[in-house]
Protein backbone atom coordinates (compact mmCIF):
# COMPACT_ATOMS: atom_id res chain seq x y z
CA MET A 1 74.35 90.48 109.26
CA THR A 2 74.69 90.52 112.97
CA SER A 3 77.01 93.74 114.61
CA SER A 4 81.15 93.80 114.37
CA ILE A 5 83.83 95.85 114.17
CA GLY A 6 86.34 95.88 111.08
CA VAL A 7 89.84 98.17 111.06
CA MET A 8 90.29 99.78 108.17
CA LEU A 9 94.06 98.93 106.59
CA PRO A 10 95.72 102.60 107.37
CA ARG A 11 96.29 103.90 103.48
CA ASP A 12 99.93 105.43 103.58
CA LEU A 13 101.48 102.08 105.80
CA PRO A 14 104.16 100.83 104.37
CA SER A 15 103.99 97.68 101.70
CA THR A 16 105.70 95.81 103.89
CA GLN A 17 104.12 95.71 105.91
CA VAL A 18 100.55 95.36 105.62
CA VAL A 19 100.46 91.42 105.70
CA GLU A 20 102.01 92.08 109.85
CA TYR A 21 98.93 94.39 109.71
CA LEU A 22 96.28 92.43 108.51
CA GLN A 23 97.75 89.49 110.06
CA THR A 24 97.36 91.61 113.52
CA ALA A 25 94.38 92.49 113.39
CA GLU A 26 92.77 89.08 112.11
CA ARG A 27 94.78 87.60 116.06
CA SER A 28 93.16 91.03 117.85
CA GLY A 29 90.00 89.49 116.80
CA PHE A 30 88.48 92.06 114.73
CA ASP A 31 85.44 91.43 111.98
CA GLU A 32 86.53 92.44 109.61
CA ALA A 33 89.51 94.50 107.74
CA TRP A 34 88.59 97.45 105.55
CA VAL A 35 90.92 98.69 102.05
CA VAL A 36 90.44 101.63 100.86
CA GLU A 37 91.07 102.90 96.63
CA ASP A 38 93.09 106.41 97.25
CA CYS A 39 94.50 107.90 94.58
CA PHE A 40 97.14 107.71 94.08
CA PHE A 41 98.00 104.75 96.94
CA ARG A 42 97.44 101.13 96.74
CA GLY A 43 94.61 99.95 93.89
CA ALA A 44 91.84 97.44 96.36
CA ILE A 45 91.46 95.01 94.15
CA ALA A 46 94.96 93.73 95.47
CA GLN A 47 94.86 94.87 99.27
CA ALA A 48 91.85 93.18 98.90
CA ALA A 49 93.39 89.75 98.07
CA ILE A 50 96.59 90.14 99.62
CA ALA A 51 94.16 90.60 102.21
CA LEU A 52 92.54 86.52 102.06
CA ALA A 53 95.43 85.39 100.75
CA SER A 54 97.19 86.25 104.54
CA THR A 55 94.23 85.93 107.21
CA THR A 56 92.20 82.24 107.24
CA THR A 57 88.75 84.01 109.24
CA ILE A 58 87.88 87.93 109.06
CA ARG A 59 86.41 89.22 106.52
CA VAL A 60 87.76 91.33 103.90
CA GLY A 61 86.16 95.02 102.34
CA ILE A 62 86.59 96.98 100.23
CA GLY A 63 85.28 100.47 100.07
CA ILE A 64 85.77 101.80 98.12
CA MET A 65 86.20 101.45 94.38
CA PRO A 66 85.22 104.52 92.07
CA ALA A 67 82.47 103.71 89.43
CA ALA A 68 84.43 106.31 86.99
CA GLY A 69 87.26 103.92 87.22
CA ARG A 70 86.82 100.41 85.41
CA ASN A 71 84.47 99.02 83.06
CA PRO A 72 81.62 97.17 85.24
CA ALA A 73 82.18 93.46 83.97
CA ILE A 74 86.43 93.91 84.90
CA THR A 75 85.23 94.83 88.63
CA ALA A 76 82.18 91.70 89.00
CA LEU A 77 85.97 90.12 87.26
CA GLU A 78 87.87 90.47 89.87
CA THR A 79 85.10 90.46 92.56
CA SER A 80 84.13 86.80 91.74
CA THR A 81 87.21 85.74 91.32
CA LEU A 82 87.87 87.09 95.35
CA ALA A 83 84.35 85.61 96.20
CA THR A 84 85.37 81.92 94.34
CA LEU A 85 88.51 80.98 95.81
CA PHE A 86 87.12 83.36 99.70
CA PRO A 87 84.07 82.53 99.65
CA GLY A 88 81.94 84.54 102.53
CA ARG A 89 84.56 86.28 103.33
CA THR A 90 83.59 89.14 100.92
CA MET A 91 82.53 92.62 100.60
CA VAL A 92 82.42 94.77 98.09
CA GLY A 93 81.99 98.84 97.98
CA ILE A 94 81.35 100.94 95.40
CA GLY A 95 81.09 104.98 94.86
CA HIS A 96 81.61 108.30 92.82
CA GLY A 97 84.97 108.69 93.68
CA MET A 98 86.25 111.62 95.33
CA PRO A 99 85.68 114.25 92.55
CA ALA A 100 88.79 116.34 92.25
CA TRP A 101 90.68 112.95 92.03
CA MET A 102 87.28 111.49 89.82
CA ARG A 103 88.58 114.67 87.69
CA GLN A 104 92.37 114.94 87.88
CA ILE A 105 91.88 111.59 86.28
CA GLY A 106 89.33 113.10 83.24
CA ALA A 107 87.11 110.79 84.93
CA TRP A 108 84.31 112.10 86.59
CA PRO A 109 80.84 112.26 84.60
CA THR A 110 78.37 114.37 83.74
CA SER A 111 75.94 112.56 86.08
CA PRO A 112 77.85 110.55 89.09
CA LEU A 113 74.36 109.36 90.14
CA THR A 114 73.50 107.46 86.89
CA LEU A 115 76.65 106.20 86.35
CA LEU A 116 76.90 104.88 89.27
CA GLU A 117 73.59 102.92 89.54
CA GLU A 118 73.68 100.99 85.44
CA THR A 119 77.47 99.74 87.87
CA LEU A 120 75.55 98.59 90.37
CA ASP A 121 72.96 97.33 88.35
CA ALA A 122 76.27 95.66 85.89
CA VAL A 123 78.07 94.60 89.30
CA ARG A 124 75.61 92.93 90.65
CA GLY A 125 73.56 90.76 88.30
CA LEU A 126 77.02 89.29 86.75
CA LEU A 127 78.14 88.77 90.20
CA ARG A 128 74.58 86.80 90.43
CA GLY A 129 75.32 84.94 86.95
CA GLU A 130 72.57 86.84 84.48
CA VAL A 131 73.45 87.07 80.79
CA LEU A 132 73.63 90.56 80.49
CA THR A 133 73.37 93.63 77.60
CA THR A 134 72.41 97.26 78.86
CA VAL A 135 72.15 99.66 76.42
CA GLY A 136 72.49 102.80 79.15
CA ARG A 137 74.49 107.18 78.83
CA TYR A 138 77.64 105.19 80.16
CA VAL A 139 76.90 101.21 81.03
CA ARG A 140 76.92 98.82 78.13
CA LEU A 141 77.07 95.08 77.96
CA THR A 142 76.57 92.69 74.92
CA ASP A 143 75.67 89.47 76.03
CA VAL A 144 78.39 89.57 79.29
CA ALA A 145 78.78 87.20 81.58
CA LEU A 146 80.95 85.63 83.79
CA GLU A 147 82.51 81.98 82.51
CA GLU A 148 82.22 80.84 86.89
CA PRO A 149 80.31 83.24 88.86
CA PRO A 150 80.52 82.93 92.72
CA GLY A 151 79.23 80.43 94.37
CA LEU A 152 77.93 83.04 97.48
CA VAL A 153 77.39 85.51 95.80
CA PRO A 154 79.30 89.06 98.55
CA PRO A 155 77.15 92.36 98.81
CA VAL A 156 78.16 95.38 96.75
CA LEU A 157 77.95 98.16 99.31
CA ALA A 158 76.86 102.59 97.63
CA GLY A 159 80.28 104.61 99.47
CA VAL A 160 78.30 108.04 99.71
CA ARG A 161 76.55 110.32 101.36
CA GLY A 162 73.31 113.03 100.49
CA PRO A 163 70.01 112.10 100.42
CA ARG A 164 69.50 111.72 96.79
CA SER A 165 72.42 109.16 96.37
CA LEU A 166 71.66 107.13 99.42
CA ARG A 167 67.87 106.45 98.24
CA LEU A 168 69.96 104.71 95.06
CA ALA A 169 71.25 102.88 97.23
CA GLY A 170 68.19 101.36 98.99
CA ARG A 171 67.27 100.68 95.67
CA HIS A 172 70.39 98.81 93.77
CA ALA A 173 72.50 98.16 96.39
CA ASP A 174 72.44 95.31 99.10
CA GLY A 175 74.20 98.31 101.17
CA THR A 176 75.40 101.26 102.35
CA ILE A 177 79.55 102.67 103.59
CA LEU A 178 78.87 105.73 105.28
CA ALA A 179 82.45 107.70 105.21
CA GLU A 180 84.03 110.03 108.03
CA PRO A 181 82.27 110.65 110.93
CA VAL A 182 79.24 108.78 111.29
CA THR A 183 76.77 109.73 114.61
CA PRO A 184 73.90 108.17 115.66
CA GLU A 185 72.29 111.72 113.70
CA TYR A 186 73.32 111.16 111.03
CA LEU A 187 72.54 107.16 110.85
CA ALA A 188 69.35 108.40 111.43
CA VAL A 189 69.30 110.19 108.35
CA VAL A 190 70.07 107.19 106.44
CA ARG A 191 68.20 104.68 107.14
CA ALA A 192 65.18 106.74 106.41
CA ALA A 193 66.67 107.70 103.01
CA ILE A 194 67.47 104.72 101.96
CA ASP A 195 64.35 102.66 102.96
CA ALA A 196 65.73 99.76 101.51
CA PRO A 197 62.68 96.98 99.58
CA GLY A 198 64.96 94.70 101.85
CA PRO A 199 67.46 93.74 104.33
CA HIS A 200 70.07 96.62 103.61
CA VAL A 201 73.39 96.42 105.65
CA VAL A 202 75.55 99.54 106.66
CA VAL A 203 79.13 100.56 107.16
CA ALA A 204 79.66 103.75 109.25
CA TYR A 205 83.06 104.08 109.33
CA ASN A 206 85.62 107.00 112.17
CA VAL A 207 87.97 107.86 112.99
CA ALA A 208 88.98 105.88 116.28
CA ALA A 209 91.02 106.68 119.27
CA VAL A 210 91.70 105.20 122.53
CA ASP A 211 94.49 105.63 125.82
CA ASP A 212 93.75 105.30 128.94
CA ASP A 213 94.25 108.56 129.52
CA ALA A 214 90.32 110.52 127.53
CA SER A 215 92.64 113.14 126.37
CA LEU A 216 95.72 112.20 124.97
CA ALA A 217 92.70 110.05 122.69
CA ARG A 218 91.26 113.08 121.40
CA ALA A 219 94.74 114.94 120.85
CA VAL A 220 95.13 112.12 118.57
CA ALA A 221 91.85 112.17 116.78
CA ARG A 222 92.04 115.80 116.29
CA THR A 223 94.81 115.27 113.85
CA ALA A 224 92.48 112.90 112.40
CA LEU A 225 89.36 114.94 112.08
CA GLU A 226 90.66 118.11 109.89
CA TRP A 227 89.24 117.29 107.34
CA ILE A 228 85.68 116.61 108.35
CA GLY A 229 84.64 120.91 107.83
CA GLU A 230 85.04 121.15 104.18
CA PRO A 231 81.82 120.91 101.90
CA ASP A 232 82.01 116.94 101.13
CA TRP A 233 81.49 116.17 104.89
CA ALA A 234 78.60 118.77 105.25
CA VAL A 235 75.56 116.27 104.68
CA GLN A 236 77.59 114.66 107.65
CA ILE A 237 77.67 117.59 110.35
CA ALA A 238 74.48 119.17 109.68
CA PRO A 239 72.67 116.83 111.91
CA LEU A 240 74.56 117.63 114.88
CA ASP A 241 73.58 120.58 116.95
CA PHE A 242 76.17 121.84 117.01
CA ALA A 243 76.78 122.02 113.13
CA ALA A 244 76.68 126.35 112.98
CA ASP A 245 78.91 127.02 115.21
CA LEU A 246 81.20 123.92 114.11
CA ALA A 247 80.79 125.75 110.14
CA GLU A 248 80.98 129.31 112.03
CA LEU A 249 84.85 127.26 113.30
CA HIS A 250 85.89 126.84 110.43
CA ARG A 251 85.20 129.61 108.66
CA ARG A 252 87.20 131.62 111.45
CA ALA A 253 90.84 129.32 111.12
CA ALA A 254 93.07 130.07 109.47
CA SER A 255 94.24 126.79 108.64
CA ARG A 256 92.50 122.64 108.64
CA SER A 257 95.00 122.36 111.92
CA GLU A 258 93.85 125.83 113.88
CA PHE A 259 90.52 124.68 112.92
CA ALA A 260 91.01 120.68 114.53
CA ALA A 261 92.83 122.27 117.34
CA SER A 262 90.27 123.96 118.21
CA LEU A 263 87.19 121.31 118.23
CA PRO A 264 85.97 120.97 121.85
CA ASP A 265 86.41 118.01 123.89
CA GLU A 266 82.29 117.40 123.56
CA TRP A 267 82.67 118.21 119.56
CA VAL A 268 85.04 115.83 119.45
CA ASP A 269 84.18 112.51 121.84
CA ARG A 270 80.78 112.71 118.85
CA LEU A 271 82.73 112.91 115.69
CA ALA A 272 84.37 109.82 116.76
CA VAL A 273 84.96 106.76 118.19
CA VAL A 274 87.36 107.85 120.89
CA GLY A 275 88.30 108.24 124.47
CA THR A 276 89.12 104.76 127.12
CA PRO A 277 88.58 101.78 126.05
CA SER A 278 84.75 102.09 128.07
CA GLN A 279 84.29 105.27 126.59
CA ALA A 280 85.11 104.46 122.88
CA ARG A 281 83.62 100.86 123.70
CA ALA A 282 80.39 102.36 124.47
CA ARG A 283 80.05 105.06 122.05
CA ILE A 284 80.45 101.44 118.98
CA ASP A 285 77.90 99.91 121.02
CA GLN A 286 75.96 103.74 121.00
CA LEU A 287 75.69 103.26 117.31
CA HIS A 288 75.55 99.68 116.14
CA ARG A 289 72.04 99.82 118.36
CA ALA A 290 71.61 103.51 116.22
CA GLY A 291 71.71 101.57 113.23
CA ALA A 292 75.43 100.66 112.21
CA ASP A 293 75.60 97.04 110.92
CA SER A 294 79.50 97.79 111.34
CA VAL A 295 81.42 99.72 113.09
CA VAL A 296 84.81 99.96 111.13
CA LEU A 297 87.33 102.17 113.37
CA ILE A 298 90.13 104.39 110.96
CA PRO A 299 93.60 104.16 113.36
CA ALA A 300 94.91 107.60 114.40
CA GLY A 301 97.74 108.55 114.98
CA PRO A 302 101.72 108.94 113.62
CA ASP A 303 102.07 104.52 114.54
CA PRO A 304 99.94 103.35 113.15
CA TRP A 305 100.89 99.77 115.35
CA ALA A 306 100.25 101.34 118.08
CA ALA A 307 97.02 102.42 117.39
CA LEU A 308 96.01 99.21 115.86
CA ARG A 309 97.17 97.78 119.79
CA ALA A 310 94.89 100.60 121.15
CA LEU A 311 92.26 99.99 119.07
CA GLY A 312 91.96 96.15 120.05
CA ARG A 313 91.30 97.05 123.51
CA LEU A 314 88.23 97.12 122.48
CA ILE A 315 87.55 93.41 120.69
C-alpha cells in the first residue's frame, strides 16, 4: 500500500450533510474517507454504503465496528456486499469497542482478546470463500459460507491500542487502525509489537487543524485533545518524553477543558497534525516515514466544513 491521506467523516455531522461532505472530500483529493461507529450516532455499514454509492474513486474505511456488537457471519455478509458492489474501495476495521459503550448495551465480553481473535479469523475466512465450522469461546458457526464471496477480498483491519492486542492484530488481521493521537514514537512501538508475518497496513488517526496562523490552528486542535489524559490513552502517551509531565498536568486540571487549554504548544504540535499548511504537511510526511501507511485526519473545530476546506490544502 502506498502512503495515503484520509479524512474522517465527523460522527456528529448532520445526516443531511453526509453525502455532500463525502463528495467534497473526494473532490478535494483525499485518498480515503473513514466512517466511525461511535455509540450512538450512525451505523458503520450504512455510512460506508452511502459513502461508496455517492462517490466514485475514494476508498472508504470503516474504523471501527466493535466485535461484541455483531455476529461475525453477519459482519462478513455485509462487508462482502460492499466489496462486491464496490470492488477495491472498501476497508473494514473491527476492534474491541469502547468498554463503557459495550457495557452500556450489555455486550462487553469476559475476554475481549479472545472474542476479537475469533471474530477476525471468522470474518476473514468467510470473505475468502471458506466454509467454516467453528466452536470457539464466542464464535460458533456450522457450515457457514457466503453465497457470493467478493472477487477482490477487502482488507480486514484490527482497531487496537495495547501491546497484547497489537500482537493479536499482527497474527490475525491484514492491518491495524490506531486511534488518535499517533506519534512517530508510538508507531515505533506499534511496528515492533505487530511483528506480522507478511504485509500489514497501519492506519493512523490524528486530530488535525490547519490555519495560516499556527497559533489559531493549535487553539482549535486543543479542543479535540481533551481526552488524551484519560486512562484509555495511556499506552499511546507512554512512549513520549513528556508523558509524566502530561499525566501530572491532567491530575492537576480541574476539568478536561482546563487540561486541554494548558497543553504547551510543543506538545500540541506532537499530538496532532497542526499548524500552517507546510507544518501540517511535514508532520504527515513524518508519520508516513515512521510507519503509517495511511494518515487519517480528524477535522477539529466547531465548523466541519471550514475544517475540511482547510485540510484540503494539505493534499
